[in-house]
Amino acid sequence: MSVQVLFIYGALAGMLSVCAYLPYIIDTLKKRTQPQRSSWMIWSVLASLAFFAQVSEGATDSLWFAGVQTSGTIVVFLLSIRLGSGGFMNRADFLVLVCAACGLWLWYLTETAIYALVISISISLLGGLLTIRKAYLHPHSETMSTWLISFIASIFAMLSVGSLDIIMLAYPVYLFVLYGAIINAMIMGRMEYRSDIDTIHIMDRHKKAC
C-alpha cells in the first residue's frame, strides 16, 4: 500500500475522531450525556501511555487516530469531573494508576514499549466494561453518534498501519472491539427500554378497559 494512501487513511481516522468527540463534548456540556468518571480517567491515563508507546515503536500515519483519541479522552474526563456520573480515584482507580506506572517502569528497564502498550490496553478494558454496562443500563445517557463515528475511525486507523504489525495494530483493534461492544450495549439497552415502555402502555390500556 502506498505511503499516500496510508496517510489518507490516517488523516481520515484523525478527522473522524475529532467529529466523534465534538457531539459528545457538546452533549456533556448540555447535560444530555453523563460520562462515567472512572472510565474516562482510566482511558485518559492509558491512552496517553499507548500513544507514546506507539511513538516509541515508530508509528507514523496511525498516530493521527491515537493522538486525537488521547486528546479527546482527556477533555471528556476533565468535563466528567463536574458533569459526569459515578466516582473516581477509588481503590480500583489507584490500582490502575499503579499498574500504568509499572508499565512505564518496564518500558524504562527494557527499552521496549510493548510492555506499556499491553498493560495499557489490558487495564483500559476494565474502564471500557464500566461504560459498556452503563450504556446498557442507561442507553440514553450516552451519545450514539460518538461511538458510531469512533467505530468507523478505528477501521481507518487499522488500515493506516499498512501491515500486519501486531504492536501497531493492537490499540486500534482494541478500540474497534470496544466501540462495537458499546454500540451493541446501547442498542440492546434501548430495545429493552422500548419493550418496557410498550409493556407499561399495554397494562395502562388494560386497566382503562377494565
Protein backbone atom coordinates (compact mmCIF):
# COMPACT_ATOMS: atom_id res chain seq x y z
CA MET A 1 0.00 0.00 0.00
CA SER A 2 1.40 3.41 -0.99
CA VAL A 3 2.53 6.00 1.53
CA GLN A 4 -0.07 8.46 0.25
CA VAL A 5 -2.92 6.01 0.79
CA LEU A 6 -1.72 5.26 4.32
CA PHE A 7 -1.56 8.99 5.01
CA ILE A 8 -5.14 9.42 3.77
CA TYR A 9 -6.36 6.57 5.98
CA GLY A 10 -4.55 8.05 8.97
CA ALA A 11 -5.88 11.56 8.30
CA LEU A 12 -9.44 10.23 7.90
CA ALA A 13 -9.14 8.35 11.19
CA GLY A 14 -7.99 11.54 12.91
CA MET A 15 -10.66 13.77 11.38
CA LEU A 16 -13.43 11.29 12.13
CA SER A 17 -12.24 11.08 15.72
CA VAL A 18 -12.49 14.86 16.03
CA CYS A 19 -16.03 14.70 14.60
CA ALA A 20 -16.85 11.91 17.05
CA TYR A 21 -15.79 13.77 20.16
CA LEU A 22 -17.47 17.07 19.33
CA PRO A 23 -21.10 15.87 19.82
CA TYR A 24 -20.08 14.00 22.98
CA ILE A 25 -18.49 17.12 24.44
CA ILE A 26 -21.49 19.26 23.43
CA ASP A 27 -23.98 16.77 24.90
CA THR A 28 -21.93 16.63 28.10
CA LEU A 29 -21.94 20.42 28.42
CA LYS A 30 -25.71 20.41 27.85
CA LYS A 31 -26.04 17.61 30.45
CA ARG A 32 -27.64 15.22 27.97
CA THR A 33 -24.68 12.85 28.30
CA GLN A 34 -23.04 11.82 31.57
CA PRO A 35 -19.53 10.39 31.10
CA GLN A 36 -18.59 7.62 33.52
CA ARG A 37 -15.81 9.26 35.54
CA SER A 38 -13.72 6.17 36.28
CA SER A 39 -13.84 5.02 32.64
CA TRP A 40 -12.66 8.33 31.27
CA MET A 41 -9.97 8.78 33.90
CA ILE A 42 -8.59 5.32 33.11
CA TRP A 43 -8.81 5.97 29.37
CA SER A 44 -7.05 9.34 29.69
CA VAL A 45 -4.05 7.89 31.50
CA LEU A 46 -3.77 4.74 29.41
CA ALA A 47 -4.49 6.38 26.06
CA SER A 48 -1.57 8.72 26.76
CA LEU A 49 0.60 5.72 27.60
CA ALA A 50 -0.47 3.88 24.44
CA PHE A 51 0.13 6.98 22.30
CA PHE A 52 3.72 7.46 23.47
CA ALA A 53 4.34 3.73 23.22
CA GLN A 54 3.33 3.85 19.55
CA VAL A 55 5.55 6.89 19.00
CA SER A 56 8.44 4.94 20.51
CA GLU A 57 7.74 1.96 18.26
CA GLY A 58 7.90 4.13 15.13
CA ALA A 59 4.21 4.67 14.32
CA THR A 60 3.54 7.39 11.73
CA ASP A 61 0.19 7.71 9.96
CA SER A 62 -1.70 5.77 12.65
CA LEU A 63 -0.70 8.45 15.18
CA TRP A 64 -3.42 10.76 13.88
CA PHE A 65 -6.01 8.47 15.41
CA ALA A 66 -4.12 7.77 18.63
CA GLY A 67 -3.35 11.46 19.14
CA VAL A 68 -6.94 12.62 18.76
CA GLN A 69 -8.19 9.76 20.92
CA THR A 70 -5.78 10.77 23.69
CA SER A 71 -6.71 14.45 23.49
CA GLY A 72 -10.43 13.66 23.36
CA THR A 73 -10.38 11.36 26.36
CA ILE A 74 -8.55 13.94 28.45
CA VAL A 75 -11.07 16.67 27.56
CA VAL A 76 -14.06 14.42 28.34
CA PHE A 77 -12.50 13.29 31.62
CA LEU A 78 -12.00 16.89 32.72
CA LEU A 79 -15.64 17.62 31.90
CA SER A 80 -16.78 14.46 33.69
CA ILE A 81 -15.33 15.66 36.99
CA ARG A 82 -18.22 18.13 37.24
CA LEU A 83 -20.78 16.82 34.76
CA GLY A 84 -20.24 13.05 34.77
CA SER A 85 -21.61 10.13 36.76
CA GLY A 86 -20.01 7.62 39.15
CA GLY A 87 -16.98 8.11 41.34
CA PHE A 88 -13.27 8.12 40.63
CA MET A 89 -9.95 7.87 42.46
CA ASN A 90 -11.22 4.94 44.49
CA ARG A 91 -9.08 1.91 45.34
CA ALA A 92 -9.59 0.36 41.90
CA ASP A 93 -8.59 3.58 40.13
CA PHE A 94 -5.48 3.84 42.28
CA LEU A 95 -4.58 0.26 41.32
CA VAL A 96 -4.94 1.19 37.65
CA LEU A 97 -2.51 4.07 38.06
CA VAL A 98 -0.03 1.78 39.86
CA CYS A 99 -0.24 -0.74 37.00
CA ALA A 100 0.30 2.06 34.48
CA ALA A 101 3.37 3.14 36.44
CA CYS A 102 4.63 -0.46 36.33
CA GLY A 103 4.24 -0.40 32.57
CA LEU A 104 6.35 2.75 32.38
CA TRP A 105 8.96 1.17 34.66
CA LEU A 106 9.16 -1.96 32.49
CA TRP A 107 9.44 0.27 29.44
CA TYR A 108 12.32 2.12 31.07
CA LEU A 109 14.14 -1.08 32.10
CA THR A 110 13.72 -2.97 28.83
CA GLU A 111 13.60 -0.02 26.43
CA THR A 112 10.68 -1.83 24.79
CA ALA A 113 7.31 -0.06 24.64
CA ILE A 114 5.33 -3.25 24.09
CA TYR A 115 5.04 -3.83 27.86
CA ALA A 116 3.48 -0.42 28.41
CA LEU A 117 1.18 -0.93 25.42
CA VAL A 118 -0.05 -4.34 26.56
CA ILE A 119 -0.63 -3.14 30.12
CA SER A 120 -2.45 0.00 28.95
CA ILE A 121 -4.80 -1.96 26.68
CA SER A 122 -5.46 -4.66 29.27
CA ILE A 123 -6.32 -2.22 32.04
CA SER A 124 -8.19 0.11 29.68
CA LEU A 125 -10.56 -2.77 29.08
CA LEU A 126 -11.64 -2.51 32.73
CA GLY A 127 -12.69 1.08 32.17
CA GLY A 128 -14.43 0.01 28.98
CA LEU A 129 -16.51 -2.58 30.83
CA LEU A 130 -17.87 0.15 33.11
CA THR A 131 -19.08 2.18 30.14
CA ILE A 132 -20.47 -0.91 28.36
CA ARG A 133 -22.52 -1.68 31.48
CA LYS A 134 -23.67 1.94 31.75
CA ALA A 135 -24.54 2.03 28.02
CA TYR A 136 -26.80 -0.97 28.51
CA LEU A 137 -28.47 0.11 31.75
CA HIS A 138 -28.76 3.81 30.81
CA PRO A 139 -28.52 3.91 26.99
CA HIS A 140 -29.85 7.47 26.77
CA SER A 141 -27.03 8.79 28.94
CA GLU A 142 -24.55 8.17 26.10
CA THR A 143 -24.13 9.80 22.67
CA MET A 144 -24.62 7.13 20.00
CA SER A 145 -23.13 9.22 17.16
CA THR A 146 -19.82 9.50 19.02
CA TRP A 147 -19.41 5.75 19.30
CA LEU A 148 -20.54 5.09 15.72
CA ILE A 149 -18.11 7.60 14.23
CA SER A 150 -15.32 6.39 16.52
CA PHE A 151 -16.03 2.83 15.38
CA ILE A 152 -15.59 3.86 11.74
CA ALA A 153 -12.47 5.88 12.64
CA SER A 154 -10.90 2.81 14.24
CA ILE A 155 -11.32 0.93 10.94
CA PHE A 156 -9.37 3.61 9.07
CA ALA A 157 -6.80 3.62 11.88
CA MET A 158 -6.23 -0.12 11.38
CA LEU A 159 -5.89 0.40 7.63
CA SER A 160 -3.40 3.24 8.16
CA VAL A 161 -0.92 0.83 9.80
CA GLY A 162 -0.40 -0.73 6.38
CA SER A 163 0.96 -4.07 7.59
CA LEU A 164 0.27 -6.92 9.99
CA ASP A 165 2.31 -5.30 12.74
CA ILE A 166 0.78 -6.61 15.97
CA ILE A 167 2.21 -3.80 18.10
CA MET A 168 0.90 -1.04 15.81
CA LEU A 169 -2.46 -2.74 15.30
CA ALA A 170 -3.08 -3.58 18.96
CA TYR A 171 -4.51 -0.20 20.02
CA PRO A 172 -6.85 0.49 17.05
CA VAL A 173 -8.06 -3.14 17.06
CA TYR A 174 -8.81 -2.90 20.78
CA LEU A 175 -10.79 0.31 20.26
CA PHE A 176 -12.61 -1.23 17.29
CA VAL A 177 -13.82 -4.07 19.54
CA LEU A 178 -14.60 -1.74 22.46
CA TYR A 179 -16.62 0.74 20.40
CA GLY A 180 -18.53 -2.10 18.77
CA ALA A 181 -19.40 -3.50 22.20
CA ILE A 182 -20.60 -0.11 23.46
CA ILE A 183 -22.79 0.38 20.38
CA ASN A 184 -24.32 -3.08 20.80
CA ALA A 185 -24.92 -2.41 24.51
CA MET A 186 -26.72 0.84 23.70
CA ILE A 187 -28.88 -0.81 21.03
CA MET A 188 -29.83 -3.66 23.35
CA GLY A 189 -30.50 -1.23 26.21
CA ARG A 190 -32.74 0.95 24.04
CA MET A 191 -34.62 -2.09 22.75
CA GLU A 192 -35.27 -3.24 26.30
CA TYR A 193 -36.29 0.27 27.31
CA ARG A 194 -38.83 0.44 24.46
CA SER A 195 -40.09 -3.02 25.38
CA ASP A 196 -40.65 -1.92 28.97
CA ILE A 197 -42.46 1.24 27.80
CA ASP A 198 -44.70 -0.81 25.48
CA THR A 199 -45.49 -3.19 28.34
CA ILE A 200 -46.46 -0.27 30.58
CA HIS A 201 -48.72 1.18 27.86
CA ILE A 202 -50.43 -2.18 27.35
CA MET A 203 -51.01 -2.50 31.10
CA ASP A 204 -52.40 1.04 31.23
CA ARG A 205 -54.81 0.33 28.38
CA HIS A 206 -55.87 -2.89 30.04
CA LYS A 207 -56.61 -1.07 33.32
CA LYS A 208 -58.66 1.58 31.48
CA ALA A 209 -60.60 -1.12 29.64
CA CYS A 210 -61.43 -2.77 32.94
